[in-house]
Amino acid sequence: MHCVLGLVQADGTPLASQYVPRCFGVVQKVVVQEHWKIWNPSTRTWTPKKMNTRETCNVVPFSLVSPGAFGSAVSVKVQSPLEAIGPYLEQVYHRLRHAREGLVDFVVQELSGERPVGLEETEELLRVGTTLTGFGEVVLEQGRVLRLQPPMDTRPYVLVASDYRGFLQMHQDTATMWKVLTAIFGLAGAAVLAWVFYREYRKHESRRGRD
């Protein structure tokens, strides 16, 4: 498992935001979904529901470069970013367009039991110039190209939009929680194991007494 830190740089033409001017990235995720309210006759209430969700993901080849090294040959290409886990996309746009209702629409909605609320649009980008930390497998291709890719085994492939210290700080509380849980479950496991050994010991002594 290797750790690579650098600034995001598109290998070619970056992706332009669909909503924000002069905003460019290398990984783009756009989600458009409709919000409705559905009449529930059993509870006689309107319940919210999301429908017709459309999700689009776009990726262009990109690399991680050292700060101040844009345009140099020192870089690590990032492969299959959509297979990675971790918070590396930044929300650059979010809007909920509320539906406009007229009197006729209101009557139709009451009869059909469906009422539109609005259209929600969200765009997330891995922006050019973002500090990115990648945890994965680094391979050397053709003796000169470094590539970060998903591990061949079961280890996770992680991309995080921060430096290594920021990643550790972000997960410090989570790590502390897991340490406490591990200690608790470790003690519980030891108690269960001791009880099993004690039970087997009593059975063994009982058999010896009968013999």
N, C-alpha and C. Protein backbone atom coordinates (compact mmCIF):
# COMPACT_ATOMS: atom_id res chain seq x y z
N MET A 1 0.86 -1.19 0.00
CA MET A 1 0.00 0.00 0.00
C MET A 1 0.89 1.24 0.00
N HIS A 2 0.64 2.15 -0.91
CA HIS A 2 1.44 3.37 -1.02
C HIS A 2 0.56 4.59 -0.80
N CYS A 3 1.21 5.68 -0.40
CA CYS A 3 0.53 6.96 -0.19
C CYS A 3 1.17 8.00 -1.10
N VAL A 4 0.35 8.67 -1.90
CA VAL A 4 0.83 9.69 -2.84
C VAL A 4 0.10 10.99 -2.56
N LEU A 5 0.86 12.08 -2.48
CA LEU A 5 0.29 13.40 -2.20
C LEU A 5 0.70 14.36 -3.30
N GLY A 6 -0.24 15.13 -3.81
CA GLY A 6 0.10 16.10 -4.83
C GLY A 6 -1.08 16.98 -5.20
N LEU A 7 -0.84 17.87 -6.15
CA LEU A 7 -1.88 18.76 -6.65
C LEU A 7 -2.47 18.16 -7.93
N VAL A 8 -3.78 18.29 -8.07
CA VAL A 8 -4.48 17.72 -9.22
C VAL A 8 -4.19 18.56 -10.47
N GLN A 9 -3.76 17.87 -11.52
CA GLN A 9 -3.50 18.53 -12.79
C GLN A 9 -4.05 17.67 -13.92
N ALA A 10 -4.88 18.25 -14.78
CA ALA A 10 -5.43 17.51 -15.92
C ALA A 10 -4.32 17.21 -16.91
N ASP A 11 -4.33 15.99 -17.46
CA ASP A 11 -3.33 15.63 -18.47
C ASP A 11 -3.66 16.26 -19.82
N GLY A 12 -4.90 16.63 -20.02
CA GLY A 12 -5.31 17.30 -21.25
C GLY A 12 -6.24 18.45 -20.93
N THR A 13 -7.36 18.52 -21.65
CA THR A 13 -8.36 19.56 -21.40
C THR A 13 -9.22 19.18 -20.21
N PRO A 14 -9.32 20.03 -19.18
CA PRO A 14 -10.14 19.68 -18.01
C PRO A 14 -11.63 19.81 -18.32
N LEU A 15 -12.43 19.31 -17.39
CA LEU A 15 -13.88 19.41 -17.49
C LEU A 15 -14.34 20.77 -16.98
N ALA A 16 -15.25 21.39 -17.69
CA ALA A 16 -15.82 22.67 -17.26
C ALA A 16 -17.11 22.42 -16.50
N SER A 17 -17.30 23.16 -15.41
CA SER A 17 -18.53 23.05 -14.64
C SER A 17 -19.73 23.42 -15.51
N GLN A 18 -20.83 22.69 -15.31
CA GLN A 18 -22.05 22.97 -16.06
C GLN A 18 -22.78 24.21 -15.53
N TYR A 19 -22.43 24.62 -14.32
CA TYR A 19 -23.19 25.70 -13.68
C TYR A 19 -22.33 26.88 -13.24
N VAL A 20 -21.05 26.64 -12.93
CA VAL A 20 -20.19 27.69 -12.37
C VAL A 20 -19.18 28.13 -13.42
N PRO A 21 -19.16 29.41 -13.77
CA PRO A 21 -18.19 29.89 -14.76
C PRO A 21 -16.75 29.77 -14.26
N ARG A 22 -15.85 29.48 -15.18
CA ARG A 22 -14.41 29.42 -14.90
C ARG A 22 -14.09 28.47 -13.74
N CYS A 23 -14.81 27.37 -13.68
CA CYS A 23 -14.57 26.35 -12.65
C CYS A 23 -14.29 25.03 -13.38
N PHE A 24 -13.10 24.47 -13.17
CA PHE A 24 -12.66 23.32 -13.93
C PHE A 24 -12.24 22.18 -13.00
N GLY A 25 -12.43 20.97 -13.50
CA GLY A 25 -12.07 19.80 -12.70
C GLY A 25 -11.68 18.63 -13.59
N VAL A 26 -11.42 17.49 -12.94
CA VAL A 26 -11.04 16.28 -13.66
C VAL A 26 -12.03 15.14 -13.42
N VAL A 27 -12.80 15.23 -12.34
CA VAL A 27 -13.89 14.29 -12.06
C VAL A 27 -15.13 15.12 -11.79
N GLN A 28 -16.22 14.79 -12.45
CA GLN A 28 -17.45 15.58 -12.34
C GLN A 28 -18.63 14.65 -12.10
N LYS A 29 -19.45 15.02 -11.13
CA LYS A 29 -20.66 14.26 -10.82
C LYS A 29 -21.83 15.23 -10.75
N VAL A 30 -22.81 15.01 -11.61
CA VAL A 30 -24.01 15.86 -11.64
C VAL A 30 -25.22 14.99 -11.34
N VAL A 31 -26.00 15.41 -10.35
CA VAL A 31 -27.21 14.67 -9.95
C VAL A 31 -28.41 15.60 -10.08
N VAL A 32 -29.41 15.16 -10.83
CA VAL A 32 -30.66 15.90 -10.98
C VAL A 32 -31.80 14.98 -10.55
N GLN A 33 -32.59 15.41 -9.60
CA GLN A 33 -33.69 14.56 -9.13
C GLN A 33 -34.92 15.41 -8.82
N GLU A 34 -36.06 14.79 -9.03
CA GLU A 34 -37.34 15.46 -8.79
C GLU A 34 -37.83 15.15 -7.38
N HIS A 35 -38.36 16.18 -6.72
CA HIS A 35 -38.96 16.02 -5.39
C HIS A 35 -40.48 16.11 -5.53
N TRP A 36 -41.15 15.11 -5.01
CA TRP A 36 -42.61 15.05 -5.06
C TRP A 36 -43.17 14.80 -3.67
N LYS A 37 -44.46 15.08 -3.54
CA LYS A 37 -45.21 14.66 -2.35
C LYS A 37 -46.33 13.74 -2.80
N ILE A 38 -46.42 12.58 -2.13
CA ILE A 38 -47.41 11.57 -2.49
C ILE A 38 -48.44 11.46 -1.37
N TRP A 39 -49.69 11.45 -1.73
CA TRP A 39 -50.77 11.37 -0.75
C TRP A 39 -50.87 9.95 -0.20
N ASN A 40 -50.82 9.85 1.14
CA ASN A 40 -50.96 8.56 1.82
C ASN A 40 -52.36 8.49 2.43
N PRO A 41 -53.27 7.72 1.83
CA PRO A 41 -54.65 7.70 2.32
C PRO A 41 -54.80 7.07 3.70
N SER A 42 -53.88 6.19 4.08
CA SER A 42 -53.99 5.54 5.39
C SER A 42 -53.68 6.51 6.52
N THR A 43 -52.67 7.37 6.31
CA THR A 43 -52.33 8.36 7.34
C THR A 43 -52.90 9.73 7.03
N ARG A 44 -53.46 9.88 5.80
CA ARG A 44 -54.05 11.14 5.36
C ARG A 44 -53.04 12.29 5.45
N THR A 45 -51.82 11.99 4.98
CA THR A 45 -50.76 13.00 4.96
C THR A 45 -50.01 12.91 3.64
N TRP A 46 -49.34 14.01 3.30
CA TRP A 46 -48.47 14.03 2.13
C TRP A 46 -47.06 13.63 2.56
N THR A 47 -46.50 12.62 1.92
CA THR A 47 -45.15 12.14 2.26
C THR A 47 -44.19 12.49 1.13
N PRO A 48 -42.97 12.94 1.48
CA PRO A 48 -42.00 13.31 0.44
C PRO A 48 -41.42 12.08 -0.25
N LYS A 49 -41.10 12.25 -1.52
CA LYS A 49 -40.51 11.16 -2.30
C LYS A 49 -39.64 11.74 -3.41
N LYS A 50 -38.46 11.11 -3.60
CA LYS A 50 -37.57 11.51 -4.68
C LYS A 50 -37.78 10.58 -5.87
N MET A 51 -37.91 11.16 -7.06
CA MET A 51 -38.21 10.37 -8.26
C MET A 51 -37.33 10.82 -9.42
N ASN A 52 -37.18 9.90 -10.39
CA ASN A 52 -36.50 10.20 -11.65
C ASN A 52 -35.12 10.80 -11.43
N THR A 53 -34.34 10.16 -10.56
CA THR A 53 -32.98 10.62 -10.30
C THR A 53 -32.08 10.32 -11.49
N ARG A 54 -31.39 11.34 -11.97
CA ARG A 54 -30.45 11.19 -13.08
C ARG A 54 -29.06 11.59 -12.61
N GLU A 55 -28.12 10.66 -12.71
CA GLU A 55 -26.75 10.90 -12.26
C GLU A 55 -25.79 10.72 -13.42
N THR A 56 -24.92 11.71 -13.61
CA THR A 56 -23.93 11.68 -14.68
C THR A 56 -22.54 11.87 -14.09
N CYS A 57 -21.61 10.98 -14.47
CA CYS A 57 -20.23 11.07 -14.00
C CYS A 57 -19.31 11.19 -15.21
N ASN A 58 -18.41 12.15 -15.17
CA ASN A 58 -17.42 12.35 -16.23
C ASN A 58 -16.02 12.40 -15.63
N VAL A 59 -15.07 11.82 -16.34
CA VAL A 59 -13.68 11.78 -15.88
C VAL A 59 -12.76 12.05 -17.05
N VAL A 60 -11.72 12.84 -16.81
CA VAL A 60 -10.64 13.01 -17.79
C VAL A 60 -9.34 12.57 -17.12
N PRO A 61 -8.36 12.11 -17.90
CA PRO A 61 -7.08 11.69 -17.31
C PRO A 61 -6.42 12.83 -16.54
N PHE A 62 -5.88 12.48 -15.37
CA PHE A 62 -5.20 13.50 -14.57
C PHE A 62 -4.06 12.89 -13.77
N SER A 63 -3.22 13.77 -13.26
CA SER A 63 -2.05 13.35 -12.49
C SER A 63 -1.94 14.18 -11.23
N LEU A 64 -1.11 13.69 -10.31
CA LEU A 64 -0.76 14.43 -9.10
C LEU A 64 0.67 14.92 -9.26
N VAL A 65 0.86 16.21 -9.05
CA VAL A 65 2.18 16.82 -9.18
C VAL A 65 2.55 17.48 -7.87
N SER A 66 3.85 17.68 -7.67
CA SER A 66 4.31 18.36 -6.46
C SER A 66 3.95 19.83 -6.54
N PRO A 67 3.69 20.47 -5.38
CA PRO A 67 3.39 21.90 -5.38
C PRO A 67 4.49 22.70 -6.07
N GLY A 68 4.11 23.57 -6.99
CA GLY A 68 5.09 24.37 -7.71
C GLY A 68 5.74 23.66 -8.87
N ALA A 69 5.27 22.44 -9.18
CA ALA A 69 5.91 21.65 -10.23
C ALA A 69 5.01 21.49 -11.45
N PHE A 70 4.04 22.37 -11.65
CA PHE A 70 3.16 22.27 -12.82
C PHE A 70 4.00 22.35 -14.09
N GLY A 71 3.72 21.42 -15.00
CA GLY A 71 4.43 21.40 -16.27
C GLY A 71 5.70 20.59 -16.23
N SER A 72 6.12 20.11 -15.08
CA SER A 72 7.33 19.30 -14.99
C SER A 72 7.00 17.85 -15.26
N ALA A 73 8.05 17.03 -15.35
CA ALA A 73 7.86 15.61 -15.65
C ALA A 73 7.62 14.78 -14.40
N VAL A 74 7.70 15.41 -13.22
CA VAL A 74 7.52 14.68 -11.96
C VAL A 74 6.03 14.64 -11.65
N SER A 75 5.41 13.48 -11.90
CA SER A 75 3.97 13.36 -11.67
C SER A 75 3.61 11.90 -11.50
N VAL A 76 2.43 11.67 -10.93
CA VAL A 76 1.88 10.32 -10.77
C VAL A 76 0.48 10.32 -11.37
N LYS A 77 0.27 9.50 -12.38
CA LYS A 77 -1.05 9.41 -13.00
C LYS A 77 -2.01 8.66 -12.08
N VAL A 78 -3.25 9.11 -12.02
CA VAL A 78 -4.27 8.48 -11.17
C VAL A 78 -5.23 7.70 -12.05
N GLN A 79 -5.34 6.42 -11.77
CA GLN A 79 -6.18 5.53 -12.57
C GLN A 79 -7.46 5.17 -11.82
N SER A 80 -8.57 5.08 -12.53
CA SER A 80 -9.86 4.61 -12.01
C SER A 80 -10.30 5.36 -10.74
N PRO A 81 -10.41 6.69 -10.79
CA PRO A 81 -10.82 7.42 -9.58
C PRO A 81 -12.23 7.09 -9.12
N LEU A 82 -13.11 6.67 -10.03
CA LEU A 82 -14.48 6.36 -9.64
C LEU A 82 -14.56 5.08 -8.80
N GLU A 83 -13.50 4.27 -8.80
CA GLU A 83 -13.47 3.07 -7.98
C GLU A 83 -12.99 3.36 -6.56
N ALA A 84 -12.51 4.58 -6.33
CA ALA A 84 -11.96 4.93 -5.02
C ALA A 84 -13.07 5.34 -4.05
N ILE A 85 -12.78 5.15 -2.78
CA ILE A 85 -13.66 5.65 -1.73
C ILE A 85 -13.00 6.85 -1.08
N GLY A 86 -13.79 7.63 -0.36
CA GLY A 86 -13.23 8.78 0.33
C GLY A 86 -13.84 10.08 -0.16
N PRO A 87 -13.79 11.11 0.67
CA PRO A 87 -14.37 12.41 0.31
C PRO A 87 -13.40 13.24 -0.52
N TYR A 88 -13.44 13.08 -1.83
CA TYR A 88 -12.54 13.85 -2.68
C TYR A 88 -13.27 14.78 -3.65
N LEU A 89 -14.59 14.72 -3.69
CA LEU A 89 -15.35 15.61 -4.55
C LEU A 89 -15.87 16.81 -3.76
N GLU A 90 -15.82 17.97 -4.35
CA GLU A 90 -16.29 19.21 -3.72
C GLU A 90 -17.60 19.65 -4.37
N GLN A 91 -18.59 19.95 -3.55
CA GLN A 91 -19.85 20.45 -4.09
C GLN A 91 -19.66 21.91 -4.52
N VAL A 92 -19.82 22.16 -5.81
CA VAL A 92 -19.62 23.51 -6.34
C VAL A 92 -20.95 24.18 -6.70
N TYR A 93 -22.03 23.38 -6.75
CA TYR A 93 -23.33 23.97 -7.10
C TYR A 93 -24.45 23.13 -6.50
N HIS A 94 -25.45 23.83 -5.97
CA HIS A 94 -26.65 23.16 -5.45
C HIS A 94 -27.82 24.13 -5.53
N ARG A 95 -28.91 23.66 -6.11
CA ARG A 95 -30.09 24.51 -6.22
C ARG A 95 -31.34 23.65 -6.26
N LEU A 96 -32.37 24.11 -5.56
CA LEU A 96 -33.69 23.46 -5.58
C LEU A 96 -34.66 24.43 -6.23
N ARG A 97 -35.11 24.08 -7.43
CA ARG A 97 -36.06 24.92 -8.16
C ARG A 97 -37.47 24.49 -7.77
N HIS A 98 -38.17 25.35 -7.06
CA HIS A 98 -39.51 25.01 -6.60
C HIS A 98 -40.52 25.06 -7.75
N ALA A 99 -41.44 24.11 -7.72
CA ALA A 99 -42.46 24.03 -8.77
C ALA A 99 -43.48 25.14 -8.59
N ARG A 100 -43.92 25.69 -9.71
CA ARG A 100 -44.97 26.71 -9.68
C ARG A 100 -46.31 26.04 -9.92
N GLU A 101 -47.28 26.39 -9.08
CA GLU A 101 -48.58 25.73 -9.16
C GLU A 101 -49.68 26.76 -9.43
N GLY A 102 -50.57 26.39 -10.35
CA GLY A 102 -51.76 27.19 -10.60
C GLY A 102 -52.97 26.51 -10.00
N LEU A 103 -54.12 27.13 -10.13
CA LEU A 103 -55.35 26.58 -9.57
C LEU A 103 -55.71 25.25 -10.23
N VAL A 104 -55.56 25.19 -11.57
CA VAL A 104 -55.88 23.95 -12.28
C VAL A 104 -54.92 22.84 -11.85
N ASP A 105 -53.63 23.18 -11.74
CA ASP A 105 -52.64 22.18 -11.31
C ASP A 105 -52.97 21.66 -9.93
N PHE A 106 -53.39 22.55 -9.04
CA PHE A 106 -53.70 22.14 -7.67
C PHE A 106 -54.85 21.14 -7.65
N VAL A 107 -55.88 21.38 -8.45
CA VAL A 107 -57.02 20.46 -8.51
C VAL A 107 -56.59 19.11 -9.05
N VAL A 108 -55.78 19.11 -10.11
CA VAL A 108 -55.31 17.85 -10.70
C VAL A 108 -54.47 17.07 -9.71
N GLN A 109 -53.62 17.77 -8.95
CA GLN A 109 -52.76 17.10 -7.97
C GLN A 109 -53.59 16.47 -6.86
N GLU A 110 -54.61 17.16 -6.43
CA GLU A 110 -55.46 16.61 -5.38
C GLU A 110 -56.16 15.34 -5.86
N LEU A 111 -56.54 15.31 -7.12
CA LEU A 111 -57.22 14.14 -7.66
C LEU A 111 -56.25 12.99 -7.91
N SER A 112 -55.04 13.29 -8.36
CA SER A 112 -54.07 12.24 -8.69
C SER A 112 -53.30 11.74 -7.48
N GLY A 113 -53.23 12.56 -6.43
CA GLY A 113 -52.47 12.16 -5.24
C GLY A 113 -50.98 12.38 -5.38
N GLU A 114 -50.54 13.15 -6.36
CA GLU A 114 -49.13 13.45 -6.58
C GLU A 114 -48.96 14.95 -6.74
N ARG A 115 -48.00 15.49 -6.00
CA ARG A 115 -47.80 16.94 -6.02
C ARG A 115 -46.30 17.23 -6.20
N PRO A 116 -45.89 17.90 -7.29
CA PRO A 116 -44.47 18.22 -7.48
C PRO A 116 -44.01 19.30 -6.50
N VAL A 117 -42.82 19.09 -5.96
CA VAL A 117 -42.25 20.07 -5.03
C VAL A 117 -41.19 20.91 -5.72
N GLY A 118 -40.29 20.25 -6.44
CA GLY A 118 -39.25 20.99 -7.12
C GLY A 118 -38.24 20.08 -7.77
N LEU A 119 -37.27 20.70 -8.43
CA LEU A 119 -36.20 19.99 -9.11
C LEU A 119 -34.88 20.36 -8.44
N GLU A 120 -34.16 19.36 -7.94
CA GLU A 120 -32.89 19.59 -7.24
C GLU A 120 -31.72 19.27 -8.16
N GLU A 121 -30.78 20.20 -8.25
CA GLU A 121 -29.59 20.02 -9.08
C GLU A 121 -28.35 20.17 -8.22
N THR A 122 -27.45 19.21 -8.32
CA THR A 122 -26.21 19.22 -7.55
C THR A 122 -25.04 18.86 -8.45
N GLU A 123 -23.97 19.61 -8.32
CA GLU A 123 -22.75 19.30 -9.07
C GLU A 123 -21.57 19.23 -8.12
N GLU A 124 -20.77 18.15 -8.26
CA GLU A 124 -19.56 17.97 -7.47
C GLU A 124 -18.38 17.81 -8.43
N LEU A 125 -17.25 18.38 -8.03
CA LEU A 125 -16.05 18.33 -8.86
C LEU A 125 -14.83 17.99 -8.02
N LEU A 126 -13.89 17.28 -8.65
CA LEU A 126 -12.52 17.25 -8.15
C LEU A 126 -11.80 18.31 -8.95
N ARG A 127 -11.60 19.47 -8.33
CA ARG A 127 -11.14 20.64 -9.05
C ARG A 127 -9.65 20.59 -9.33
N VAL A 128 -9.28 21.20 -10.43
CA VAL A 128 -7.87 21.34 -10.78
C VAL A 128 -7.18 22.19 -9.71
N GLY A 129 -6.01 21.74 -9.26
CA GLY A 129 -5.27 22.45 -8.22
C GLY A 129 -5.57 22.00 -6.81
N THR A 130 -6.52 21.08 -6.65
CA THR A 130 -6.87 20.56 -5.32
C THR A 130 -5.74 19.69 -4.78
N THR A 131 -5.44 19.83 -3.50
CA THR A 131 -4.49 18.93 -2.84
C THR A 131 -5.17 17.59 -2.61
N LEU A 132 -4.59 16.53 -3.15
CA LEU A 132 -5.21 15.21 -3.10
C LEU A 132 -4.21 14.20 -2.55
N THR A 133 -4.69 13.37 -1.62
CA THR A 133 -3.90 12.25 -1.09
C THR A 133 -4.52 10.95 -1.56
N GLY A 134 -3.70 10.09 -2.14
CA GLY A 134 -4.18 8.81 -2.63
C GLY A 134 -3.50 7.65 -1.93
N PHE A 135 -4.30 6.67 -1.54
CA PHE A 135 -3.80 5.44 -0.93
C PHE A 135 -4.14 4.29 -1.87
N GLY A 136 -3.12 3.66 -2.42
CA GLY A 136 -3.35 2.57 -3.35
C GLY A 136 -2.05 1.90 -3.72
N GLU A 137 -2.01 1.39 -4.94
CA GLU A 137 -0.83 0.68 -5.44
C GLU A 137 -0.16 1.53 -6.51
N VAL A 138 1.14 1.77 -6.36
CA VAL A 138 1.90 2.55 -7.33
C VAL A 138 2.74 1.61 -8.18
N VAL A 139 2.58 1.72 -9.49
CA VAL A 139 3.34 0.88 -10.41
C VAL A 139 4.12 1.78 -11.37
N LEU A 140 5.22 1.25 -11.87
CA LEU A 140 6.07 1.97 -12.83
C LEU A 140 5.87 1.33 -14.20
N GLU A 141 5.37 2.12 -15.14
CA GLU A 141 5.11 1.62 -16.48
C GLU A 141 6.17 2.12 -17.45
N GLN A 142 6.68 1.22 -18.26
CA GLN A 142 7.67 1.52 -19.29
C GLN A 142 8.90 2.21 -18.72
N GLY A 143 9.13 1.98 -17.42
CA GLY A 143 10.32 2.50 -16.79
C GLY A 143 10.34 3.99 -16.55
N ARG A 144 9.20 4.67 -16.80
CA ARG A 144 9.24 6.13 -16.63
C ARG A 144 7.92 6.74 -16.18
N VAL A 145 6.81 6.02 -16.26
CA VAL A 145 5.50 6.56 -15.89
C VAL A 145 5.02 5.93 -14.60
N LEU A 146 4.82 6.75 -13.57
CA LEU A 146 4.27 6.27 -12.30
C LEU A 146 2.76 6.36 -12.35
N ARG A 147 2.11 5.31 -11.83
CA ARG A 147 0.65 5.27 -11.88
C ARG A 147 0.11 4.78 -10.54
N LEU A 148 -0.87 5.52 -10.00
CA LEU A 148 -1.58 5.11 -8.78
C LEU A 148 -2.86 4.41 -9.21
N GLN A 149 -3.05 3.18 -8.73
CA GLN A 149 -4.19 2.39 -9.17
C GLN A 149 -4.78 1.61 -8.00
N PRO A 150 -5.99 1.05 -8.16
CA PRO A 150 -6.57 0.24 -7.09
C PRO A 150 -5.69 -0.97 -6.79
N PRO A 151 -5.51 -1.32 -5.51
CA PRO A 151 -4.71 -2.50 -5.15
C PRO A 151 -5.27 -3.76 -5.78
N MET A 152 -4.39 -4.70 -6.10
CA MET A 152 -4.81 -5.95 -6.71
C MET A 152 -5.47 -6.87 -5.69
N ASP A 153 -5.19 -6.66 -4.40
CA ASP A 153 -5.80 -7.49 -3.36
C ASP A 153 -7.06 -6.81 -2.85
N THR A 154 -7.46 -7.14 -1.64
CA THR A 154 -8.73 -6.62 -1.09
C THR A 154 -8.57 -5.29 -0.34
N ARG A 155 -7.37 -4.74 -0.32
CA ARG A 155 -7.18 -3.48 0.38
C ARG A 155 -7.92 -2.35 -0.35
N PRO A 156 -8.40 -1.36 0.41
CA PRO A 156 -9.21 -0.30 -0.21
C PRO A 156 -8.37 0.67 -1.02
N TYR A 157 -9.01 1.28 -1.98
CA TYR A 157 -8.43 2.34 -2.80
C TYR A 157 -9.07 3.64 -2.34
N VAL A 158 -8.26 4.57 -1.81
CA VAL A 158 -8.79 5.75 -1.13
C VAL A 158 -8.22 7.02 -1.76
N LEU A 159 -9.08 7.98 -2.02
CA LEU A 159 -8.68 9.31 -2.45
C LEU A 159 -9.31 10.32 -1.51
N VAL A 160 -8.49 11.24 -0.99
CA VAL A 160 -8.97 12.23 -0.02
C VAL A 160 -8.50 13.61 -0.44
N ALA A 161 -9.42 14.56 -0.46
CA ALA A 161 -9.10 15.93 -0.87
C ALA A 161 -8.50 16.70 0.30
N SER A 162 -7.31 16.31 0.71
CA SER A 162 -6.55 17.01 1.76
C SER A 162 -5.16 16.42 1.76
N ASP A 163 -4.27 17.03 2.56
CA ASP A 163 -2.95 16.43 2.70
C ASP A 163 -3.01 15.32 3.74
N TYR A 164 -1.89 14.68 3.96
CA TYR A 164 -1.86 13.53 4.86
C TYR A 164 -2.22 13.93 6.29
N ARG A 165 -1.72 15.09 6.73
CA ARG A 165 -2.02 15.54 8.10
C ARG A 165 -3.50 15.86 8.24
N GLY A 166 -4.07 16.50 7.22
CA GLY A 166 -5.49 16.80 7.27
C GLY A 166 -6.34 15.55 7.32
N PHE A 167 -5.90 14.52 6.58
CA PHE A 167 -6.62 13.25 6.59
C PHE A 167 -6.58 12.62 7.97
N LEU A 168 -5.40 12.64 8.60
CA LEU A 168 -5.29 12.06 9.94
C LEU A 168 -6.10 12.85 10.95
N GLN A 169 -6.09 14.19 10.83
CA GLN A 169 -6.86 15.02 11.75
C GLN A 169 -8.34 14.77 11.59
N MET A 170 -8.79 14.59 10.33
CA MET A 170 -10.20 14.38 10.05
C MET A 170 -10.69 13.07 10.66
N HIS A 171 -9.79 12.07 10.70
CA HIS A 171 -10.19 10.76 11.20
C HIS A 171 -9.70 10.49 12.62
N GLN A 172 -9.18 11.52 13.28
CA GLN A 172 -8.67 11.32 14.63
C GLN A 172 -9.77 10.89 15.59
N ASP A 173 -10.91 11.58 15.55
CA ASP A 173 -12.02 11.22 16.43
C ASP A 173 -12.55 9.84 16.11
N THR A 174 -12.63 9.53 14.80
CA THR A 174 -13.11 8.20 14.40
C THR A 174 -12.16 7.13 14.88
N ALA A 175 -10.84 7.40 14.75
CA ALA A 175 -9.86 6.41 15.19
C ALA A 175 -9.94 6.20 16.69
N THR A 176 -10.14 7.30 17.44
CA THR A 176 -10.28 7.16 18.89
C THR A 176 -11.50 6.33 19.25
N MET A 177 -12.60 6.57 18.53
CA MET A 177 -13.81 5.79 18.78
C MET A 177 -13.56 4.31 18.52
N TRP A 178 -12.87 4.00 17.43
CA TRP A 178 -12.61 2.59 17.11
C TRP A 178 -11.67 1.96 18.13
N LYS A 179 -10.72 2.73 18.65
CA LYS A 179 -9.84 2.19 19.68
C LYS A 179 -10.64 1.81 20.93
N VAL A 180 -11.58 2.69 21.31
CA VAL A 180 -12.41 2.40 22.48
C VAL A 180 -13.27 1.17 22.22
N LEU A 181 -13.89 1.11 21.03
CA LEU A 181 -14.72 -0.05 20.71
C LEU A 181 -13.90 -1.32 20.66
N THR A 182 -12.68 -1.22 20.10
CA THR A 182 -11.82 -2.40 20.04
C THR A 182 -11.47 -2.87 21.44
N ALA A 183 -11.18 -1.92 22.34
CA ALA A 183 -10.87 -2.30 23.71
C ALA A 183 -12.06 -2.95 24.39
N ILE A 184 -13.25 -2.38 24.16
CA ILE A 184 -14.46 -2.94 24.78
C ILE A 184 -14.72 -4.34 24.26
N PHE A 185 -14.70 -4.48 22.92
CA PHE A 185 -14.96 -5.80 22.34
C PHE A 185 -13.83 -6.77 22.63
N GLY A 186 -12.61 -6.23 22.80
CA GLY A 186 -11.50 -7.09 23.18
C GLY A 186 -11.71 -7.68 24.56
N LEU A 187 -12.14 -6.84 25.51
CA LEU A 187 -12.43 -7.32 26.86
C LEU A 187 -13.59 -8.29 26.84
N ALA A 188 -14.62 -7.96 26.05
CA ALA A 188 -15.77 -8.86 25.97
C ALA A 188 -15.36 -10.19 25.36
N GLY A 189 -14.51 -10.14 24.33
CA GLY A 189 -14.04 -11.38 23.72
C GLY A 189 -13.21 -12.20 24.67
N ALA A 190 -12.37 -11.54 25.47
CA ALA A 190 -11.57 -12.27 26.45
C ALA A 190 -12.46 -12.91 27.50
N ALA A 191 -13.52 -12.20 27.91
CA ALA A 191 -14.43 -12.76 28.90
C ALA A 191 -15.16 -13.98 28.35
N VAL A 192 -15.60 -13.89 27.09
CA VAL A 192 -16.28 -15.04 26.47
C VAL A 192 -15.34 -16.21 26.34
N LEU A 193 -14.09 -15.93 25.92
CA LEU A 193 -13.11 -17.00 25.77
C LEU A 193 -12.82 -17.66 27.11
N ALA A 194 -12.69 -16.85 28.16
CA ALA A 194 -12.45 -17.41 29.50
C ALA A 194 -13.62 -18.27 29.95
N TRP A 195 -14.85 -17.83 29.65
CA TRP A 195 -16.03 -18.61 30.03
C TRP A 195 -16.07 -19.95 29.30
N VAL A 196 -15.68 -19.94 28.01
CA VAL A 196 -15.65 -21.20 27.24
C VAL A 196 -14.63 -22.15 27.83
N PHE A 197 -13.44 -21.63 28.14
CA PHE A 197 -12.42 -22.50 28.73
C PHE A 197 -12.88 -23.04 30.10
N TYR A 198 -13.53 -22.18 30.88
CA TYR A 198 -14.01 -22.62 32.20
C TYR A 198 -15.07 -23.70 32.05
N ARG A 199 -15.97 -23.53 31.08
CA ARG A 199 -17.02 -24.53 30.86
C ARG A 199 -16.42 -25.87 30.44
N GLU A 200 -15.44 -25.85 29.54
CA GLU A 200 -14.80 -27.09 29.11
C GLU A 200 -14.02 -27.73 30.25
N TYR A 201 -13.41 -26.88 31.09
CA TYR A 201 -12.67 -27.41 32.23
C TYR A 201 -13.62 -28.12 33.20
N ARG A 202 -14.80 -27.53 33.46
CA ARG A 202 -15.77 -28.15 34.36
C ARG A 202 -16.26 -29.48 33.79
N LYS A 203 -16.49 -29.54 32.46
CA LYS A 203 -16.91 -30.79 31.84
C LYS A 203 -15.84 -31.86 31.99
N HIS A 204 -14.58 -31.44 31.79
CA HIS A 204 -13.47 -32.39 31.91
C HIS A 204 -13.36 -32.92 33.33
N GLU A 205 -13.48 -32.03 34.32
CA GLU A 205 -13.39 -32.45 35.72
C GLU A 205 -14.57 -33.34 36.09
N SER A 206 -15.74 -33.05 35.53
CA SER A 206 -16.91 -33.88 35.81
C SER A 206 -16.73 -35.29 35.27
N ARG A 207 -16.16 -35.39 34.06
CA ARG A 207 -15.92 -36.72 33.49
C ARG A 207 -14.87 -37.48 34.31
N ARG A 208 -13.87 -36.77 34.78
CA ARG A 208 -12.84 -37.42 35.60
C ARG A 208 -13.43 -37.92 36.91
N GLY A 209 -14.38 -37.15 37.48
CA GLY A 209 -15.01 -37.57 38.73
C GLY A 209 -15.85 -38.82 38.54
N ARG A 210 -16.54 -38.93 37.37
CA ARG A 210 -17.34 -40.13 37.11
C ARG A 210 -16.46 -41.35 36.87
N ASP A 211 -15.27 -41.11 36.25
CA ASP A 211 -14.37 -42.24 36.03
C ASP A 211 -13.74 -42.71 37.34
